[in-house]
Structure formats: C-alpha cells, structure tokens
C-alpha cells in the first residue's frame, strides 16, 4: 500500500467525527447549565437558607 493511499484513507475516515460532535454537544450543555446556575445562585441561596432556618426552628421545638 502506498503512503498516499494511507493518507487518503485517513482523510476519508469519519469514524471519530461522531465522538467529537457528542463531546461538543456535552460541553455546550455543561456551559448552559453553569450559566443558568450562576444566574440563579442568589435566589437558590436564599431559599436554602430559609429552609435551613425553618428546620432549625422546628428541631428546637421537638
């Protein structure tokens, strides 16, 4: 087999393309999740603080 044939076969091989595409989609989803959580950070923090306070108050009443 000639060297040029090997190069042409490697150039035409697309078996790794799907894995790369899935990796890019996963990275995009991760960035979207991180962005959404960063936006909601203050609201979630206050919600969990409120729940923690109520649980502490109720635990003291038992």
PDB file of N, CA and C in Angstrom:
ATOM      1  N   UNK A   1       0.852  -1.175   0.000  1.00  0.00           N
ATOM      2  CA  UNK A   1       0.000   0.000   0.000  1.00  0.00           C
ATOM      3  C   UNK A   1       0.896   1.236   0.000  1.00  0.00           C
ATOM      4  N   UNK A   2       0.594   2.160  -0.867  1.00  0.00           N
ATOM      5  CA  UNK A   2       1.383   3.379  -0.965  1.00  0.00           C
ATOM      6  C   UNK A   2       1.039   4.349   0.155  1.00  0.00           C
ATOM      7  N   UNK A   3       2.001   5.210   0.459  1.00  0.00           N
ATOM      8  CA  UNK A   3       1.823   6.208   1.506  1.00  0.00           C
ATOM      9  C   UNK A   3       0.671   7.148   1.174  1.00  0.00           C
ATOM     10  N   UNK A   4       0.526   7.514  -0.090  1.00  0.00           N
ATOM     11  CA  UNK A   4      -0.569   8.422  -0.473  1.00  0.00           C
ATOM     12  C   UNK A   4      -1.928   7.758  -0.267  1.00  0.00           C
ATOM     13  N   UNK A   5      -2.004   6.443  -0.496  1.00  0.00           N
ATOM     14  CA  UNK A   5      -3.272   5.736  -0.258  1.00  0.00           C
ATOM     15  C   UNK A   5      -3.621   5.734   1.230  1.00  0.00           C
ATOM     16  N   UNK A   6      -2.609   5.578   2.074  1.00  0.00           N
ATOM     17  CA  UNK A   6      -2.847   5.594   3.523  1.00  0.00           C
ATOM     18  C   UNK A   6      -3.370   6.958   3.945  1.00  0.00           C
ATOM     19  N   UNK A   7      -2.770   8.014   3.446  1.00  0.00           N
ATOM     20  CA  UNK A   7      -3.200   9.377   3.777  1.00  0.00           C
ATOM     21  C   UNK A   7      -4.618   9.619   3.280  1.00  0.00           C
ATOM     22  N   UNK A   8      -4.929   9.172   2.089  1.00  0.00           N
ATOM     23  CA  UNK A   8      -6.278   9.353   1.547  1.00  0.00           C
ATOM     24  C   UNK A   8      -7.309   8.585   2.377  1.00  0.00           C
ATOM     25  N   UNK A   9      -6.963   7.377   2.812  1.00  0.00           N
ATOM     26  CA  UNK A   9      -7.886   6.592   3.647  1.00  0.00           C
ATOM     27  C   UNK A   9      -8.114   7.265   4.993  1.00  0.00           C
ATOM     28  N   UNK A  10      -7.071   7.810   5.591  1.00  0.00           N
ATOM     29  CA  UNK A  10      -7.224   8.521   6.858  1.00  0.00           C
ATOM     30  C   UNK A  10      -8.070   9.771   6.690  1.00  0.00           C
ATOM     31  N   UNK A  11      -7.904  10.460   5.579  1.00  0.00           N
ATOM     32  CA  UNK A  11      -8.666  11.684   5.320  1.00  0.00           C
ATOM     33  C   UNK A  11     -10.152  11.373   5.149  1.00  0.00           C
ATOM     34  N   UNK A  12     -10.468  10.240   4.540  1.00  0.00           N
ATOM     35  CA  UNK A  12     -11.870   9.877   4.282  1.00  0.00           C
ATOM     36  C   UNK A  12     -12.548   9.236   5.490  1.00  0.00           C
ATOM     37  N   UNK A  13     -11.749   8.749   6.441  1.00  0.00           N
ATOM     38  CA  UNK A  13     -12.307   8.072   7.615  1.00  0.00           C
ATOM     39  C   UNK A  13     -12.997   9.084   8.520  1.00  0.00           C
ATOM     40  N   UNK A  14     -14.290   8.882   8.780  1.00  0.00           N
ATOM     41  CA  UNK A  14     -15.073   9.804   9.602  1.00  0.00           C
ATOM     42  C   UNK A  14     -15.568   9.140  10.883  1.00  0.00           C
ATOM     43  N   UNK A  15     -14.931   8.062  11.310  1.00  0.00           N
ATOM     44  CA  UNK A  15     -15.426   7.336  12.476  1.00  0.00           C
ATOM     45  C   UNK A  15     -15.291   8.129  13.769  1.00  0.00           C
ATOM     46  N   UNK A  16     -14.326   9.017  13.891  1.00  0.00           N
ATOM     47  CA  UNK A  16     -14.162   9.814  15.096  1.00  0.00           C
ATOM     48  C   UNK A  16     -15.003  11.077  15.108  1.00  0.00           C
ATOM     49  N   UNK A  17     -15.616  11.406  13.997  1.00  0.00           N
ATOM     50  CA  UNK A  17     -16.391  12.641  13.905  1.00  0.00           C
ATOM     51  C   UNK A  17     -17.588  12.628  14.853  1.00  0.00           C
ATOM     52  N   UNK A  18     -18.246  11.498  14.983  1.00  0.00           N
ATOM     53  CA  UNK A  18     -19.413  11.414  15.847  1.00  0.00           C
ATOM     54  C   UNK A  18     -19.034  11.640  17.300  1.00  0.00           C
ATOM     55  N   UNK A  19     -17.930  11.063  17.736  1.00  0.00           N
ATOM     56  CA  UNK A  19     -17.485  11.236  19.119  1.00  0.00           C
ATOM     57  C   UNK A  19     -17.162  12.696  19.404  1.00  0.00           C
ATOM     58  N   UNK A  20     -16.545  13.357  18.452  1.00  0.00           N
ATOM     59  CA  UNK A  20     -16.220  14.774  18.622  1.00  0.00           C
ATOM     60  C   UNK A  20     -17.495  15.605  18.696  1.00  0.00           C
ATOM     61  N   UNK A  21     -18.458  15.291  17.868  1.00  0.00           N
ATOM     62  CA  UNK A  21     -19.727  16.021  17.883  1.00  0.00           C
ATOM     63  C   UNK A  21     -20.455  15.833  19.212  1.00  0.00           C
ATOM     64  N   UNK A  22     -20.476  14.611  19.728  1.00  0.00           N
ATOM     65  CA  UNK A  22     -21.108  14.376  21.032  1.00  0.00           C
ATOM     66  C   UNK A  22     -20.370  15.120  22.137  1.00  0.00           C
ATOM     67  N   UNK A  23     -19.056  15.174  22.048  1.00  0.00           N
ATOM     68  CA  UNK A  23     -18.273  15.919  23.031  1.00  0.00           C
ATOM     69  C   UNK A  23     -18.597  17.402  23.002  1.00  0.00           C
ATOM     70  N   UNK A  24     -18.751  17.965  21.817  1.00  0.00           N
ATOM     71  CA  UNK A  24     -19.102  19.379  21.696  1.00  0.00           C
ATOM     72  C   UNK A  24     -20.506  19.656  22.228  1.00  0.00           C
ATOM     73  N   UNK A  25     -21.432  18.753  21.970  1.00  0.00           N
ATOM     74  CA  UNK A  25     -22.794  18.925  22.491  1.00  0.00           C
ATOM     75  C   UNK A  25     -22.792  18.864  24.012  1.00  0.00           C
ATOM     76  N   UNK A  26     -22.047  17.912  24.586  1.00  0.00           N
ATOM     77  CA  UNK A  26     -21.967  17.794  26.040  1.00  0.00           C
ATOM     78  C   UNK A  26     -21.339  19.042  26.651  1.00  0.00           C
ATOM     79  N   UNK A  27     -20.314  19.589  26.008  1.00  0.00           N
ATOM     80  CA  UNK A  27     -19.673  20.807  26.511  1.00  0.00           C
ATOM     81  C   UNK A  27     -20.642  21.983  26.452  1.00  0.00           C
ATOM     82  N   UNK A  28     -21.416  22.083  25.393  1.00  0.00           N
ATOM     83  CA  UNK A  28     -22.396  23.164  25.266  1.00  0.00           C
ATOM     84  C   UNK A  28     -23.476  23.058  26.345  1.00  0.00           C
ATOM     85  N   UNK A  29     -23.937  21.847  26.613  1.00  0.00           N
ATOM     86  CA  UNK A  29     -24.940  21.654  27.659  1.00  0.00           C
ATOM     87  C   UNK A  29     -24.359  22.019  29.017  1.00  0.00           C
ATOM     88  N   UNK A  30     -23.109  21.638  29.269  1.00  0.00           N
ATOM     89  CA  UNK A  30     -22.469  21.972  30.546  1.00  0.00           C
ATOM     90  C   UNK A  30     -22.346  23.478  30.720  1.00  0.00           C
ATOM     91  N   UNK A  31     -21.977  24.187  29.669  1.00  0.00           N
ATOM     92  CA  UNK A  31     -21.866  25.646  29.743  1.00  0.00           C
ATOM     93  C   UNK A  31     -23.232  26.267  30.017  1.00  0.00           C
ATOM     94  N   UNK A  32     -24.275  25.741  29.386  1.00  0.00           N
ATOM     95  CA  UNK A  32     -25.625  26.268  29.616  1.00  0.00           C
ATOM     96  C   UNK A  32     -26.066  26.033  31.062  1.00  0.00           C
ATOM     97  N   UNK A  33     -25.765  24.861  31.609  1.00  0.00           N
ATOM     98  CA  UNK A  33     -26.134  24.572  32.999  1.00  0.00           C
ATOM     99  C   UNK A  33     -25.379  25.479  33.951  1.00  0.00           C
ATOM    100  N   UNK A  34     -24.092  25.654  33.718  1.00  0.00           N
ATOM    101  CA  UNK A  34     -23.291  26.537  34.575  1.00  0.00           C
ATOM    102  C   UNK A  34     -23.808  27.965  34.506  1.00  0.00           C
ATOM    103  N   UNK A  35     -24.154  28.431  33.324  1.00  0.00           N
ATOM    104  CA  UNK A  35     -24.705  29.779  33.174  1.00  0.00           C
ATOM    105  C   UNK A  35     -26.024  29.937  33.898  1.00  0.00           C
ATOM    106  N   UNK A  36     -26.890  28.943  33.802  1.00  0.00           N
ATOM    107  CA  UNK A  36     -28.187  29.015  34.479  1.00  0.00           C
ATOM    108  C   UNK A  36     -28.020  29.000  35.997  1.00  0.00           C
ATOM    109  N   UNK A  37     -27.128  28.158  36.490  1.00  0.00           N
ATOM    110  CA  UNK A  37     -26.913  28.099  37.936  1.00  0.00           C
ATOM    111  C   UNK A  37     -26.267  29.375  38.456  1.00  0.00           C
ATOM    112  N   UNK A  38     -25.399  29.976  37.668  1.00  0.00           N
ATOM    113  CA  UNK A  38     -24.789  31.239  38.084  1.00  0.00           C
ATOM    114  C   UNK A  38     -25.835  32.343  38.175  1.00  0.00           C
ATOM    115  N   UNK A  39     -26.779  32.336  37.265  1.00  0.00           N
ATOM    116  CA  UNK A  39     -27.839  33.332  37.260  1.00  0.00           C
ATOM    117  C   UNK A  39     -28.765  33.155  38.460  1.00  0.00           C
ATOM    118  N   UNK A  40     -29.052  31.920  38.820  1.00  0.00           N
ATOM    119  CA  UNK A  40     -29.999  31.631  39.899  1.00  0.00           C
ATOM    120  C   UNK A  40     -29.336  31.502  41.263  1.00  0.00           C
ATOM    121  N   UNK A  41     -28.045  31.727  41.347  1.00  0.00           N
ATOM    122  CA  UNK A  41     -27.303  31.475  42.579  1.00  0.00           C
ATOM    123  C   UNK A  41     -27.862  32.215  43.788  1.00  0.00           C
ATOM    124  N   UNK A  42     -28.124  33.489  43.673  1.00  0.00           N
ATOM    125  CA  UNK A  42     -28.629  34.272  44.803  1.00  0.00           C
ATOM    126  C   UNK A  42     -29.982  33.799  45.264  1.00  0.00           C
ATOM    127  N   UNK A  43     -30.866  33.521  44.347  1.00  0.00           N
ATOM    128  CA  UNK A  43     -32.204  33.050  44.688  1.00  0.00           C
ATOM    129  C   UNK A  43     -32.172  31.696  45.365  1.00  0.00           C
ATOM    130  N   UNK A  44     -31.362  30.786  44.848  1.00  0.00           N
ATOM    131  CA  UNK A  44     -31.273  29.463  45.450  1.00  0.00           C
ATOM    132  C   UNK A  44     -30.657  29.535  46.841  1.00  0.00           C
ATOM    133  N   UNK A  45     -29.693  30.393  47.005  1.00  0.00           N
ATOM    134  CA  UNK A  45     -29.044  30.534  48.310  1.00  0.00           C
ATOM    135  C   UNK A  45     -30.046  30.996  49.367  1.00  0.00           C
ATOM    136  N   UNK A  46     -30.864  31.967  49.014  1.00  0.00           N
ATOM    137  CA  UNK A  46     -31.849  32.457  49.987  1.00  0.00           C
ATOM    138  C   UNK A  46     -32.922  31.413  50.281  1.00  0.00           C
ATOM    139  N   UNK A  47     -33.299  30.633  49.292  1.00  0.00           N
ATOM    140  CA  UNK A  47     -34.292  29.571  49.503  1.00  0.00           C
ATOM    141  C   UNK A  47     -33.744  28.528  50.473  1.00  0.00           C
ATOM    142  N   UNK A  48     -32.509  28.081  50.239  1.00  0.00           N
ATOM    143  CA  UNK A  48     -31.931  27.063  51.114  1.00  0.00           C
ATOM    144  C   UNK A  48     -31.669  27.613  52.516  1.00  0.00           C
ATOM    145  N   UNK A  49     -31.316  28.868  52.616  1.00  0.00           N
ATOM    146  CA  UNK A  49     -31.128  29.474  53.936  1.00  0.00           C
ATOM    147  C   UNK A  49     -32.443  29.513  54.701  1.00  0.00           C
ATOM    148  N   UNK A  50     -33.515  29.861  54.022  1.00  0.00           N
ATOM    149  CA  UNK A  50     -34.833  29.889  54.647  1.00  0.00           C
ATOM    150  C   UNK A  50     -35.277  28.513  55.101  1.00  0.00           C
ATOM    151  N   UNK A  51     -35.045  27.521  54.272  1.00  0.00           N
ATOM    152  CA  UNK A  51     -35.414  26.155  54.630  1.00  0.00           C
ATOM    153  C   UNK A  51     -34.586  25.698  55.832  1.00  0.00           C
ATOM    154  N   UNK A  52     -33.289  26.021  55.824  1.00  0.00           N
ATOM    155  CA  UNK A  52     -32.427  25.656  56.945  1.00  0.00           C
ATOM    156  C   UNK A  52     -32.864  26.310  58.244  1.00  0.00           C
ATOM    157  N   UNK A  53     -33.255  27.561  58.173  1.00  0.00           N
ATOM    158  CA  UNK A  53     -33.730  28.272  59.364  1.00  0.00           C
ATOM    159  C   UNK A  53     -35.008  27.640  59.908  1.00  0.00           C
ATOM    160  N   UNK A  54     -35.940  27.330  59.026  1.00  0.00           N
ATOM    161  CA  UNK A  54     -37.195  26.702  59.457  1.00  0.00           C
ATOM    162  C   UNK A  54     -36.955  25.330  60.075  1.00  0.00           C
ATOM    163  N   UNK A  55     -36.024  24.554  59.470  1.00  0.00           N
ATOM    164  CA  UNK A  55     -35.717  23.239  60.032  1.00  0.00           C
ATOM    165  C   UNK A  55     -35.086  23.371  61.412  1.00  0.00           C
ATOM    166  N   UNK A  56     -34.189  24.331  61.566  1.00  0.00           N
ATOM    167  CA  UNK A  56     -33.559  24.538  62.874  1.00  0.00           C
ATOM    168  C   UNK A  56     -34.579  24.951  63.919  1.00  0.00           C
ATOM    169  N   UNK A  57     -35.498  25.811  63.529  1.00  0.00           N
ATOM    170  CA  UNK A  57     -36.545  26.266  64.462  1.00  0.00           C
ATOM    171  C   UNK A  57     -37.445  25.108  64.873  1.00  0.00           C
ATOM    172  N   UNK A  58     -37.842  24.316  63.915  1.00  0.00           N
ATOM    173  CA  UNK A  58     -38.719  23.174  64.207  1.00  0.00           C
ATOM    174  C   UNK A  58     -37.979  22.116  65.028  1.00  0.00           C
ATOM    175  N   UNK A  59     -36.699  21.917  64.769  1.00  0.00           N
ATOM    176  CA  UNK A  59     -35.936  20.930  65.529  1.00  0.00           C
ATOM    177  C   UNK A  59     -35.820  21.369  66.987  1.00  0.00           C
ATOM    178  N   UNK A  60     -35.753  22.677  67.236  1.00  0.00           N
ATOM    179  CA  UNK A  60     -35.697  23.184  68.584  1.00  0.00           C
ATOM    180  C   UNK A  60     -37.018  23.028  69.309  1.00  0.00           C
ATOM    181  N   UNK A  61     -38.125  22.929  68.586  1.00  0.00           N
ATOM    182  CA  UNK A  61     -39.449  22.787  69.193  1.00  0.00           C
ATOM    183  C   UNK A  61     -39.784  21.348  69.557  1.00  0.00           C
ATOM    184  N   UNK A  62     -38.971  20.415  69.133  1.00  0.00           N
ATOM    185  CA  UNK A  62     -39.277  18.985  69.369  1.00  0.00           C
ATOM    186  C   UNK A  62     -38.882  18.605  70.773  1.00  0.00           C
TER     187      UNK A  62
END
